[in-house]
N, C-alpha and C. Protein backbone atom coordinates (compact mmCIF):
# COMPACT_ATOMS: atom_id res chain seq x y z
N UNK A 1 93.16 136.64 85.56
CA UNK A 1 92.02 135.80 85.83
C UNK A 1 92.52 134.49 86.47
N UNK A 2 91.93 134.08 87.56
CA UNK A 2 92.35 132.85 88.24
C UNK A 2 92.10 131.61 87.37
N UNK A 3 92.95 130.62 87.58
CA UNK A 3 92.88 129.35 86.87
C UNK A 3 92.79 128.24 87.90
N UNK A 4 92.03 127.19 87.59
CA UNK A 4 91.91 126.05 88.51
C UNK A 4 93.19 125.24 88.51
N UNK A 5 93.57 124.78 89.69
CA UNK A 5 94.74 123.93 89.85
C UNK A 5 94.61 123.11 91.11
N UNK A 6 95.69 122.44 91.48
CA UNK A 6 95.70 121.65 92.70
C UNK A 6 97.04 121.84 93.39
N UNK A 7 97.02 121.82 94.70
CA UNK A 7 98.25 121.82 95.50
C UNK A 7 98.46 120.39 95.98
N UNK A 8 99.69 119.90 95.82
CA UNK A 8 100.04 118.57 96.31
C UNK A 8 100.81 118.76 97.61
N UNK A 9 100.28 118.20 98.68
CA UNK A 9 100.93 118.28 99.98
C UNK A 9 102.03 117.23 100.09
N UNK A 10 102.88 117.38 101.09
CA UNK A 10 103.97 116.44 101.32
C UNK A 10 103.44 115.01 101.47
N UNK A 11 102.24 114.87 102.03
CA UNK A 11 101.61 113.56 102.23
C UNK A 11 101.12 112.94 100.92
N UNK A 12 101.07 113.75 99.85
CA UNK A 12 100.56 113.29 98.57
C UNK A 12 99.12 113.69 98.31
N UNK A 13 98.45 114.19 99.34
CA UNK A 13 97.06 114.65 99.18
C UNK A 13 97.03 115.82 98.20
N UNK A 14 95.99 115.86 97.36
CA UNK A 14 95.82 116.94 96.40
C UNK A 14 94.60 117.76 96.76
N UNK A 15 94.80 119.07 96.88
CA UNK A 15 93.72 119.98 97.26
C UNK A 15 93.42 120.93 96.11
N UNK A 16 92.18 120.94 95.59
CA UNK A 16 91.83 121.85 94.50
C UNK A 16 91.73 123.29 94.98
N UNK A 17 92.17 124.22 94.12
CA UNK A 17 92.06 125.65 94.39
C UNK A 17 92.30 126.40 93.10
N UNK A 18 92.25 127.72 93.17
CA UNK A 18 92.56 128.56 92.02
C UNK A 18 93.86 129.30 92.29
N UNK A 19 94.51 129.76 91.22
CA UNK A 19 95.77 130.48 91.39
C UNK A 19 95.92 131.54 90.30
N UNK A 20 96.80 132.49 90.58
CA UNK A 20 97.27 133.49 89.61
C UNK A 20 98.77 133.59 89.79
N UNK A 21 99.50 133.81 88.69
CA UNK A 21 100.96 133.94 88.77
C UNK A 21 101.45 135.11 87.93
N UNK A 22 102.62 135.60 88.32
CA UNK A 22 103.32 136.64 87.59
C UNK A 22 104.70 136.10 87.27
N UNK A 23 105.11 136.18 86.01
CA UNK A 23 106.46 135.79 85.62
C UNK A 23 107.35 137.03 85.71
N UNK A 24 108.41 136.93 86.49
CA UNK A 24 109.36 138.03 86.63
C UNK A 24 110.44 137.90 85.56
N UNK A 25 111.17 138.97 85.29
CA UNK A 25 112.19 138.96 84.24
C UNK A 25 113.38 138.07 84.59
N UNK A 26 113.59 137.78 85.85
CA UNK A 26 114.74 136.96 86.25
C UNK A 26 114.41 135.47 86.32
N UNK A 27 113.28 135.05 85.76
CA UNK A 27 112.92 133.65 85.76
C UNK A 27 112.19 133.18 87.00
N UNK A 28 111.88 134.11 87.89
CA UNK A 28 111.13 133.75 89.08
C UNK A 28 109.64 133.98 88.85
N UNK A 29 108.84 133.32 89.65
CA UNK A 29 107.40 133.50 89.62
C UNK A 29 106.94 133.98 90.98
N UNK A 30 105.89 134.73 91.00
CA UNK A 30 105.21 135.05 92.25
C UNK A 30 103.72 134.97 91.95
N UNK A 31 102.95 134.73 92.97
CA UNK A 31 101.52 134.62 92.72
C UNK A 31 100.73 134.39 93.97
N UNK A 32 99.49 134.01 93.76
CA UNK A 32 98.62 133.76 94.90
C UNK A 32 97.78 132.52 94.66
N UNK A 33 97.54 131.80 95.73
CA UNK A 33 96.60 130.69 95.75
C UNK A 33 95.31 131.27 96.29
N UNK A 34 94.22 131.01 95.62
CA UNK A 34 92.95 131.62 95.98
C UNK A 34 92.00 130.55 96.50
N UNK A 35 91.52 130.75 97.70
CA UNK A 35 90.58 129.80 98.28
C UNK A 35 90.60 129.88 99.79
N UNK A 36 89.72 129.13 100.41
CA UNK A 36 89.62 129.10 101.86
C UNK A 36 90.65 128.11 102.40
N UNK A 37 91.71 128.62 102.97
CA UNK A 37 92.79 127.78 103.48
C UNK A 37 92.68 127.55 104.98
N UNK A 38 91.61 128.03 105.60
CA UNK A 38 91.44 127.89 107.05
C UNK A 38 91.43 126.44 107.51
N UNK A 39 90.95 125.54 106.67
CA UNK A 39 90.86 124.13 107.05
C UNK A 39 92.22 123.43 106.97
N UNK A 40 93.21 124.06 106.34
CA UNK A 40 94.53 123.46 106.19
C UNK A 40 95.30 123.59 107.49
N UNK A 41 96.07 122.59 107.82
CA UNK A 41 96.97 122.64 108.97
C UNK A 41 98.03 123.71 108.67
N UNK A 42 98.24 124.69 109.56
CA UNK A 42 99.22 125.75 109.30
C UNK A 42 100.63 125.22 109.05
N UNK A 43 100.97 124.05 109.55
CA UNK A 43 102.30 123.48 109.31
C UNK A 43 102.52 123.13 107.84
N UNK A 44 101.44 122.97 107.09
CA UNK A 44 101.55 122.69 105.65
C UNK A 44 102.35 123.78 104.96
N UNK A 45 102.17 125.01 105.40
CA UNK A 45 102.80 126.15 104.73
C UNK A 45 104.30 126.26 105.01
N UNK A 46 104.82 125.48 105.94
CA UNK A 46 106.24 125.51 106.27
C UNK A 46 107.07 124.76 105.22
N UNK A 47 106.45 123.87 104.47
CA UNK A 47 107.15 123.09 103.45
C UNK A 47 106.88 123.67 102.07
N UNK A 48 107.76 123.33 101.13
CA UNK A 48 107.47 123.66 99.74
C UNK A 48 106.33 122.78 99.29
N UNK A 49 105.49 123.35 98.45
CA UNK A 49 104.33 122.64 97.94
C UNK A 49 104.43 122.57 96.42
N UNK A 50 103.74 121.64 95.82
CA UNK A 50 103.73 121.52 94.37
C UNK A 50 102.38 121.96 93.85
N UNK A 51 102.39 122.93 92.93
CA UNK A 51 101.18 123.41 92.27
C UNK A 51 101.02 122.65 90.96
N UNK A 52 99.94 121.90 90.82
CA UNK A 52 99.64 121.19 89.58
C UNK A 52 98.79 122.08 88.70
N UNK A 53 99.24 122.30 87.48
CA UNK A 53 98.52 123.13 86.53
C UNK A 53 97.50 122.29 85.76
N UNK A 54 96.62 122.96 85.04
CA UNK A 54 95.58 122.27 84.28
C UNK A 54 96.13 121.28 83.26
N UNK A 55 97.32 121.56 82.72
CA UNK A 55 97.89 120.69 81.69
C UNK A 55 98.72 119.55 82.28
N UNK A 56 98.73 119.42 83.61
CA UNK A 56 99.46 118.33 84.26
C UNK A 56 100.87 118.68 84.66
N UNK A 57 101.39 119.80 84.21
CA UNK A 57 102.74 120.22 84.62
C UNK A 57 102.66 120.81 86.01
N UNK A 58 103.82 120.97 86.64
CA UNK A 58 103.81 121.44 88.02
C UNK A 58 104.93 122.44 88.29
N UNK A 59 104.72 123.22 89.36
CA UNK A 59 105.69 124.21 89.82
C UNK A 59 105.81 124.05 91.33
N UNK A 60 107.04 124.00 91.83
CA UNK A 60 107.25 123.95 93.27
C UNK A 60 107.15 125.37 93.82
N UNK A 61 106.27 125.57 94.80
CA UNK A 61 106.04 126.90 95.36
C UNK A 61 106.40 126.94 96.83
N UNK A 62 106.78 128.11 97.28
CA UNK A 62 107.07 128.37 98.69
C UNK A 62 106.11 129.46 99.15
N UNK A 63 105.29 129.16 100.14
CA UNK A 63 104.31 130.12 100.66
C UNK A 63 105.04 131.20 101.46
N UNK A 64 104.74 132.46 101.15
CA UNK A 64 105.37 133.58 101.86
C UNK A 64 104.43 134.30 102.80
N UNK A 65 103.12 134.21 102.55
CA UNK A 65 102.15 134.92 103.38
C UNK A 65 100.78 134.26 103.22
N UNK A 66 100.10 134.05 104.33
CA UNK A 66 98.76 133.45 104.30
C UNK A 66 97.75 134.51 104.74
N UNK A 67 96.66 134.62 103.98
CA UNK A 67 95.59 135.55 104.31
C UNK A 67 94.29 134.77 104.50
N UNK A 68 93.21 135.48 104.82
CA UNK A 68 91.92 134.80 104.97
C UNK A 68 91.32 134.38 103.63
N UNK A 69 91.87 134.88 102.53
CA UNK A 69 91.35 134.55 101.20
C UNK A 69 92.29 133.66 100.39
N UNK A 70 93.45 133.33 100.93
CA UNK A 70 94.40 132.51 100.19
C UNK A 70 95.80 132.68 100.71
N UNK A 71 96.77 132.53 99.82
CA UNK A 71 98.18 132.62 100.21
C UNK A 71 99.00 133.18 99.06
N UNK A 72 100.07 133.89 99.39
CA UNK A 72 101.02 134.38 98.40
C UNK A 72 102.18 133.40 98.33
N UNK A 73 102.79 133.27 97.14
CA UNK A 73 103.91 132.34 96.99
C UNK A 73 104.95 132.89 96.04
N UNK A 74 106.14 132.27 96.10
CA UNK A 74 107.20 132.51 95.13
C UNK A 74 107.61 131.15 94.59
N UNK A 75 108.22 131.15 93.41
CA UNK A 75 108.65 129.90 92.78
C UNK A 75 109.70 130.22 91.73
N UNK A 76 110.49 129.23 91.38
CA UNK A 76 111.44 129.35 90.28
C UNK A 76 110.78 128.78 89.03
N UNK A 77 111.00 129.42 87.91
CA UNK A 77 110.45 128.94 86.65
C UNK A 77 111.22 127.70 86.23
N UNK A 78 110.55 126.57 86.18
CA UNK A 78 111.17 125.31 85.81
C UNK A 78 111.01 125.09 84.32
N UNK A 79 111.96 124.41 83.72
CA UNK A 79 111.89 124.13 82.29
C UNK A 79 110.60 123.39 81.94
N UNK A 80 110.15 122.52 82.84
CA UNK A 80 108.94 121.74 82.59
C UNK A 80 107.70 122.62 82.53
N UNK A 81 107.75 123.80 83.12
CA UNK A 81 106.57 124.66 83.16
C UNK A 81 106.52 125.63 81.98
N UNK A 82 107.59 125.73 81.21
CA UNK A 82 107.64 126.67 80.10
C UNK A 82 106.56 126.36 79.07
N UNK A 83 105.89 127.39 78.62
CA UNK A 83 104.84 127.28 77.61
C UNK A 83 103.69 126.37 78.02
N UNK A 84 103.38 126.32 79.27
CA UNK A 84 102.29 125.47 79.73
C UNK A 84 101.08 126.30 80.10
N UNK A 85 99.96 125.63 80.35
CA UNK A 85 98.77 126.32 80.83
C UNK A 85 99.04 126.96 82.18
N UNK A 86 100.00 126.42 82.90
CA UNK A 86 100.38 126.97 84.19
C UNK A 86 100.73 128.45 84.00
N UNK A 87 101.48 128.74 82.96
CA UNK A 87 101.91 130.11 82.73
C UNK A 87 100.85 130.93 82.01
N UNK A 88 99.82 130.28 81.47
CA UNK A 88 98.71 131.03 80.89
C UNK A 88 97.96 131.80 81.96
N UNK A 89 98.19 131.44 83.22
CA UNK A 89 97.53 132.13 84.33
C UNK A 89 98.34 133.32 84.79
N UNK A 90 99.42 133.66 84.08
CA UNK A 90 100.25 134.78 84.49
C UNK A 90 99.57 136.09 84.16
N UNK A 91 99.99 137.10 84.88
CA UNK A 91 99.45 138.43 84.69
C UNK A 91 100.55 139.42 85.03
N UNK A 92 100.28 140.68 85.00
CA UNK A 92 101.29 141.66 85.35
C UNK A 92 101.36 141.84 86.86
N UNK A 93 102.48 142.31 87.34
CA UNK A 93 102.63 142.54 88.77
C UNK A 93 101.59 143.52 89.27
N UNK A 94 101.31 144.56 88.52
CA UNK A 94 100.33 145.56 88.94
C UNK A 94 98.94 144.95 89.05
N UNK A 95 98.59 144.08 88.12
CA UNK A 95 97.27 143.46 88.16
C UNK A 95 97.13 142.53 89.35
N UNK A 96 98.21 141.82 89.69
CA UNK A 96 98.16 140.91 90.82
C UNK A 96 98.03 141.69 92.12
N UNK A 97 98.72 142.80 92.23
CA UNK A 97 98.68 143.61 93.45
C UNK A 97 97.31 144.25 93.64
N UNK A 98 96.60 144.49 92.55
CA UNK A 98 95.32 145.18 92.64
C UNK A 98 94.23 144.23 92.86
């Protein structure tokens, strides 16, 4: 189930959106940002972005693919994100793919 969050751009601007994540066994995360990203400058996706979770913690994400409904990303599990609402949005790999 998607969870509300915000992406922080390099400029400091914060954009609200929803996200889903999957925690991998090797400490990596993968997931998707859900929303209309057409209004975003495509160059935004060339930089790492910061995903702010509902509890105020954050995860640095790297966009791997942009679609008309959102974007896919990868990230490393940071100690600051452990046991946070950020990870409450995790799901199984099969559920994310479906």
